[in-house]
Every structure is written in C-alpha cells, then in structure tokens.
Amino acid sequence: MILLLFYVNNILLFNDKNLSTRALDLIKTISERYKLEDIGPVKWFLRIRVIRDRAARTITLLYDTYINKVAKRFNLAESGLYLETPLATIELVKYTREALKQEVKDY
C-alpha cells in the first residue's frame, strides 16, 4: 500500500517497504512537475505531531499542542483536569433548563 497525504504544499508519502521502488517512481513523477524538498522523516504535519515506532510498526498522531493551547485559553492548564479524560467522570444528567448567556460562553 502507498498512501499519499497532501494539503496545499505539504505532502507525506507512506509506503510498504516492498513498494519502495513504486513510491520512488511516484516521487519522481511528482517532482517532474513540482519542486519538492525532502525534509527527512516526518515529525509534524499540519500542526499534528507524528511519532513513528518502527520496531512496533506504529505511527501515532498527537494533537497535544493544540489541546494544551485550548486548555490554557480556558484556564484548564493549571488544574490538570483535562489530562485524564476529555469526558466528565461523573454521571451525565440531562440538562432541562435553558442555558444562561454566561454558561454558553463558558462552554
């Protein structure tokens, strides 16, 4: 399998090692039309952190930088509440009244 991910001028190419020749051919074909710059193994793509573990054959995508930015914006960074889970740990109860303007803004 070969995966070609792109957004505007950012391109990532993932391929099975058995398809390396085909992947290189694809890169060559693209480079005949567009100027390409190989910046090495991917670490970031569209503000998403990419961690590759070749031994475990995994690729992990993390959006933690953005999550930390939002947590700081809403004063959650110091509390650490957002670190454990994005969901409430208490039972959710149906909200039966209309929210006040301040409650909507807080949410």
N, C-alpha and C. Protein backbone atom coordinates (compact mmCIF):
# COMPACT_ATOMS: atom_id res chain seq x y z
N MET A 1 0.84 -1.16 0.00
CA MET A 1 0.00 0.00 0.00
C MET A 1 0.89 1.24 0.00
N ILE A 2 0.49 2.23 -0.75
CA ILE A 2 1.14 3.53 -0.76
C ILE A 2 0.08 4.55 -0.39
N LEU A 3 0.39 5.39 0.60
CA LEU A 3 -0.51 6.46 1.00
C LEU A 3 0.16 7.78 0.68
N LEU A 4 -0.54 8.63 -0.03
CA LEU A 4 -0.05 9.96 -0.35
C LEU A 4 -1.02 10.94 0.29
N LEU A 5 -0.55 11.66 1.30
CA LEU A 5 -1.36 12.64 2.00
C LEU A 5 -0.86 14.02 1.63
N PHE A 6 -1.77 14.90 1.30
CA PHE A 6 -1.33 16.24 0.97
C PHE A 6 -2.37 17.28 1.36
N TYR A 7 -1.86 18.46 1.66
CA TYR A 7 -2.69 19.63 1.94
C TYR A 7 -1.90 20.82 1.44
N VAL A 8 -2.40 21.49 0.45
CA VAL A 8 -1.77 22.63 -0.20
C VAL A 8 -0.36 22.24 -0.64
N ASN A 9 0.69 22.67 0.09
CA ASN A 9 2.05 22.35 -0.33
C ASN A 9 2.76 21.41 0.65
N ASN A 10 1.99 20.73 1.47
CA ASN A 10 2.54 19.75 2.41
C ASN A 10 2.17 18.35 1.92
N ILE A 11 3.17 17.51 1.73
CA ILE A 11 2.93 16.17 1.21
C ILE A 11 3.63 15.15 2.09
N LEU A 12 2.92 14.07 2.40
CA LEU A 12 3.52 12.92 3.08
C LEU A 12 3.29 11.70 2.22
N LEU A 13 4.27 10.83 2.17
CA LEU A 13 4.13 9.59 1.43
C LEU A 13 4.52 8.44 2.35
N PHE A 14 3.60 7.52 2.54
CA PHE A 14 3.85 6.31 3.33
C PHE A 14 3.78 5.13 2.38
N ASN A 15 4.69 4.20 2.53
CA ASN A 15 4.62 3.02 1.67
C ASN A 15 5.14 1.78 2.39
N ASP A 16 4.62 0.66 1.97
CA ASP A 16 5.13 -0.63 2.42
C ASP A 16 6.54 -0.76 1.87
N LYS A 17 7.44 -1.33 2.66
CA LYS A 17 8.84 -1.42 2.20
C LYS A 17 8.97 -2.22 0.91
N ASN A 18 8.03 -3.12 0.65
CA ASN A 18 8.07 -3.89 -0.60
C ASN A 18 7.70 -3.04 -1.82
N LEU A 19 7.15 -1.85 -1.56
CA LEU A 19 6.75 -0.97 -2.66
C LEU A 19 7.64 0.27 -2.76
N SER A 20 8.84 0.19 -2.22
CA SER A 20 9.74 1.34 -2.23
C SER A 20 10.03 1.84 -3.64
N THR A 21 10.22 0.93 -4.58
CA THR A 21 10.51 1.33 -5.96
C THR A 21 9.34 2.10 -6.55
N ARG A 22 8.14 1.61 -6.32
CA ARG A 22 6.95 2.30 -6.83
C ARG A 22 6.78 3.66 -6.17
N ALA A 23 7.08 3.74 -4.87
CA ALA A 23 6.98 5.01 -4.16
C ALA A 23 7.98 6.01 -4.73
N LEU A 24 9.21 5.56 -4.98
CA LEU A 24 10.22 6.44 -5.57
C LEU A 24 9.80 6.89 -6.97
N ASP A 25 9.18 6.01 -7.74
CA ASP A 25 8.66 6.38 -9.06
C ASP A 25 7.60 7.47 -8.93
N LEU A 26 6.73 7.33 -7.93
CA LEU A 26 5.69 8.33 -7.71
C LEU A 26 6.31 9.68 -7.35
N ILE A 27 7.31 9.66 -6.48
CA ILE A 27 8.00 10.90 -6.11
C ILE A 27 8.66 11.53 -7.34
N LYS A 28 9.27 10.70 -8.15
CA LYS A 28 9.93 11.20 -9.37
C LYS A 28 8.91 11.84 -10.29
N THR A 29 7.77 11.20 -10.47
CA THR A 29 6.73 11.74 -11.34
C THR A 29 6.23 13.08 -10.83
N ILE A 30 6.00 13.18 -9.54
CA ILE A 30 5.54 14.44 -8.96
C ILE A 30 6.60 15.52 -9.09
N SER A 31 7.87 15.15 -8.85
CA SER A 31 8.96 16.13 -8.90
C SER A 31 9.24 16.64 -10.31
N GLU A 32 8.78 15.92 -11.33
CA GLU A 32 8.94 16.40 -12.71
C GLU A 32 8.03 17.60 -12.98
N ARG A 33 6.99 17.72 -12.18
CA ARG A 33 6.04 18.81 -12.39
C ARG A 33 6.14 19.89 -11.30
N TYR A 34 6.51 19.48 -10.09
CA TYR A 34 6.56 20.41 -8.96
C TYR A 34 7.92 20.34 -8.27
N LYS A 35 8.32 21.45 -7.69
CA LYS A 35 9.56 21.47 -6.92
C LYS A 35 9.29 20.81 -5.57
N LEU A 36 10.07 19.79 -5.24
CA LEU A 36 9.92 19.08 -3.98
C LEU A 36 11.16 19.27 -3.13
N GLU A 37 10.95 19.26 -1.82
CA GLU A 37 12.06 19.32 -0.88
C GLU A 37 11.85 18.22 0.15
N ASP A 38 12.79 17.32 0.23
CA ASP A 38 12.72 16.23 1.21
C ASP A 38 13.32 16.74 2.52
N ILE A 39 12.49 16.85 3.55
CA ILE A 39 12.98 17.36 4.83
C ILE A 39 13.17 16.24 5.85
N GLY A 40 13.22 15.01 5.35
CA GLY A 40 13.51 13.88 6.22
C GLY A 40 12.26 13.27 6.83
N PRO A 41 12.46 12.42 7.82
CA PRO A 41 11.32 11.76 8.45
C PRO A 41 10.35 12.77 9.06
N VAL A 42 9.08 12.50 8.92
CA VAL A 42 8.05 13.41 9.40
C VAL A 42 8.04 13.46 10.93
N LYS A 43 7.97 14.68 11.45
CA LYS A 43 7.81 14.89 12.89
C LYS A 43 6.53 15.68 13.15
N TRP A 44 6.18 16.56 12.22
CA TRP A 44 4.97 17.38 12.31
C TRP A 44 4.31 17.42 10.94
N PHE A 45 2.98 17.40 10.92
CA PHE A 45 2.23 17.56 9.68
C PHE A 45 0.94 18.27 10.03
N LEU A 46 0.78 19.49 9.49
CA LEU A 46 -0.42 20.30 9.73
C LEU A 46 -0.69 20.48 11.23
N ARG A 47 0.36 20.80 11.98
CA ARG A 47 0.31 21.02 13.43
C ARG A 47 0.00 19.75 14.23
N ILE A 48 0.08 18.62 13.59
CA ILE A 48 -0.12 17.35 14.27
C ILE A 48 1.25 16.71 14.44
N ARG A 49 1.56 16.33 15.68
CA ARG A 49 2.84 15.69 15.96
C ARG A 49 2.76 14.23 15.54
N VAL A 50 3.80 13.75 14.87
CA VAL A 50 3.84 12.39 14.37
C VAL A 50 4.98 11.64 15.05
N ILE A 51 4.64 10.53 15.69
CA ILE A 51 5.66 9.69 16.33
C ILE A 51 5.62 8.33 15.66
N ARG A 52 6.76 7.93 15.14
CA ARG A 52 6.86 6.65 14.45
C ARG A 52 7.71 5.69 15.25
N ASP A 53 7.18 4.51 15.49
CA ASP A 53 7.92 3.46 16.18
C ASP A 53 8.07 2.30 15.20
N ARG A 54 9.22 2.25 14.56
CA ARG A 54 9.44 1.21 13.54
C ARG A 54 9.40 -0.19 14.14
N ALA A 55 9.97 -0.36 15.33
CA ALA A 55 10.01 -1.69 15.96
C ALA A 55 8.59 -2.21 16.21
N ALA A 56 7.72 -1.34 16.68
CA ALA A 56 6.33 -1.74 16.95
C ALA A 56 5.44 -1.61 15.72
N ARG A 57 6.01 -1.05 14.64
CA ARG A 57 5.28 -0.82 13.39
C ARG A 57 4.02 0.02 13.62
N THR A 58 4.22 1.16 14.34
CA THR A 58 3.10 2.05 14.62
C THR A 58 3.44 3.49 14.26
N ILE A 59 2.41 4.23 13.95
CA ILE A 59 2.52 5.67 13.75
C ILE A 59 1.45 6.29 14.65
N THR A 60 1.87 7.20 15.52
CA THR A 60 0.96 7.84 16.45
C THR A 60 0.82 9.31 16.06
N LEU A 61 -0.41 9.78 15.96
CA LEU A 61 -0.69 11.17 15.65
C LEU A 61 -1.18 11.85 16.92
N LEU A 62 -0.54 12.95 17.30
CA LEU A 62 -0.88 13.66 18.53
C LEU A 62 -1.23 15.11 18.23
N TYR A 63 -2.31 15.55 18.81
CA TYR A 63 -2.73 16.94 18.67
C TYR A 63 -2.59 17.65 20.01
N ASP A 64 -1.63 17.20 20.82
CA ASP A 64 -1.48 17.68 22.18
C ASP A 64 -1.11 19.16 22.27
N THR A 65 -0.38 19.68 21.32
CA THR A 65 0.00 21.09 21.35
C THR A 65 -1.24 21.96 21.28
N TYR A 66 -2.16 21.62 20.40
CA TYR A 66 -3.40 22.39 20.27
C TYR A 66 -4.27 22.21 21.52
N ILE A 67 -4.35 21.00 22.04
CA ILE A 67 -5.14 20.75 23.24
C ILE A 67 -4.60 21.58 24.41
N ASN A 68 -3.28 21.62 24.55
CA ASN A 68 -2.68 22.43 25.62
C ASN A 68 -2.97 23.91 25.43
N LYS A 69 -2.96 24.37 24.20
CA LYS A 69 -3.26 25.78 23.89
C LYS A 69 -4.70 26.11 24.29
N VAL A 70 -5.64 25.24 23.94
CA VAL A 70 -7.05 25.47 24.28
C VAL A 70 -7.24 25.38 25.80
N ALA A 71 -6.59 24.43 26.45
CA ALA A 71 -6.70 24.29 27.90
C ALA A 71 -6.20 25.55 28.60
N LYS A 72 -5.11 26.10 28.10
CA LYS A 72 -4.57 27.33 28.68
C LYS A 72 -5.54 28.49 28.47
N ARG A 73 -6.12 28.56 27.28
CA ARG A 73 -7.06 29.63 26.94
C ARG A 73 -8.27 29.64 27.88
N PHE A 74 -8.74 28.46 28.26
CA PHE A 74 -9.91 28.35 29.12
C PHE A 74 -9.54 28.06 30.58
N ASN A 75 -8.30 28.39 30.94
CA ASN A 75 -7.81 28.26 32.32
C ASN A 75 -7.94 26.84 32.87
N LEU A 76 -7.71 25.85 32.04
CA LEU A 76 -7.74 24.47 32.48
C LEU A 76 -6.34 23.90 32.64
N ALA A 77 -5.35 24.62 32.15
CA ALA A 77 -3.98 24.10 32.13
C ALA A 77 -3.45 23.83 33.53
N GLU A 78 -3.69 24.74 34.47
CA GLU A 78 -3.16 24.59 35.82
C GLU A 78 -3.90 23.50 36.60
N SER A 79 -5.18 23.32 36.31
CA SER A 79 -5.97 22.37 37.08
C SER A 79 -5.62 20.92 36.76
N GLY A 80 -5.16 20.68 35.53
CA GLY A 80 -4.83 19.33 35.13
C GLY A 80 -6.06 18.47 34.86
N LEU A 81 -7.25 19.05 34.94
CA LEU A 81 -8.48 18.28 34.76
C LEU A 81 -8.59 17.68 33.36
N TYR A 82 -8.07 18.35 32.39
CA TYR A 82 -8.21 17.87 31.02
C TYR A 82 -7.22 16.75 30.69
N LEU A 83 -6.29 16.46 31.57
CA LEU A 83 -5.26 15.48 31.26
C LEU A 83 -5.76 14.04 31.30
N GLU A 84 -6.69 13.74 32.20
CA GLU A 84 -7.10 12.36 32.37
C GLU A 84 -8.04 11.86 31.29
N THR A 85 -9.06 12.63 30.98
CA THR A 85 -10.05 12.21 30.00
C THR A 85 -10.80 13.43 29.50
N PRO A 86 -11.21 13.41 28.25
CA PRO A 86 -11.98 14.56 27.75
C PRO A 86 -13.44 14.52 28.21
N LEU A 87 -13.87 13.42 28.80
CA LEU A 87 -15.25 13.29 29.25
C LEU A 87 -15.35 13.46 30.75
N ALA A 88 -16.52 13.88 31.20
CA ALA A 88 -16.74 14.01 32.63
C ALA A 88 -16.66 12.64 33.29
N THR A 89 -16.14 12.62 34.50
CA THR A 89 -16.04 11.35 35.22
C THR A 89 -17.24 11.12 36.12
N ILE A 90 -18.15 12.10 36.16
CA ILE A 90 -19.38 11.94 36.92
C ILE A 90 -20.51 11.57 35.95
N GLU A 91 -21.58 11.03 36.49
CA GLU A 91 -22.70 10.63 35.64
C GLU A 91 -23.30 11.87 34.97
N LEU A 92 -23.54 11.78 33.66
CA LEU A 92 -24.13 12.89 32.93
C LEU A 92 -25.63 12.89 33.14
N VAL A 93 -26.15 14.07 33.48
CA VAL A 93 -27.58 14.23 33.73
C VAL A 93 -28.14 15.17 32.68
N LYS A 94 -29.32 14.85 32.17
CA LYS A 94 -29.95 15.67 31.13
C LYS A 94 -30.16 17.09 31.66
N TYR A 95 -29.79 18.08 30.86
CA TYR A 95 -29.94 19.49 31.21
C TYR A 95 -31.35 19.90 30.81
N THR A 96 -32.18 20.29 31.77
CA THR A 96 -33.60 20.54 31.49
C THR A 96 -33.96 22.01 31.38
N ARG A 97 -33.04 22.89 31.71
CA ARG A 97 -33.39 24.31 31.63
C ARG A 97 -32.60 24.98 30.51
N GLU A 98 -32.94 26.23 30.22
CA GLU A 98 -32.24 26.98 29.18
C GLU A 98 -30.96 27.56 29.76
N ALA A 99 -29.89 27.47 29.01
CA ALA A 99 -28.60 27.96 29.48
C ALA A 99 -28.57 29.49 29.48
N LEU A 100 -27.92 30.05 30.48
CA LEU A 100 -27.72 31.49 30.54
C LEU A 100 -26.61 31.86 29.56
N LYS A 101 -26.57 33.13 29.16
CA LYS A 101 -25.54 33.56 28.19
C LYS A 101 -24.14 33.25 28.70
N GLN A 102 -23.87 33.47 29.98
CA GLN A 102 -22.54 33.20 30.54
C GLN A 102 -22.21 31.72 30.48
N GLU A 103 -23.19 30.86 30.72
CA GLU A 103 -22.97 29.41 30.67
C GLU A 103 -22.63 28.97 29.25
N VAL A 104 -23.27 29.55 28.27
CA VAL A 104 -22.98 29.22 26.87
C VAL A 104 -21.57 29.66 26.54
N LYS A 105 -21.17 30.85 26.98
CA LYS A 105 -19.82 31.34 26.72
C LYS A 105 -18.78 30.45 27.38
N ASP A 106 -19.04 30.03 28.62
CA ASP A 106 -18.10 29.15 29.30
C ASP A 106 -17.93 27.83 28.58
N TYR A 107 -19.02 27.32 28.04
CA TYR A 107 -18.95 26.04 27.36
C TYR A 107 -18.16 26.18 26.08
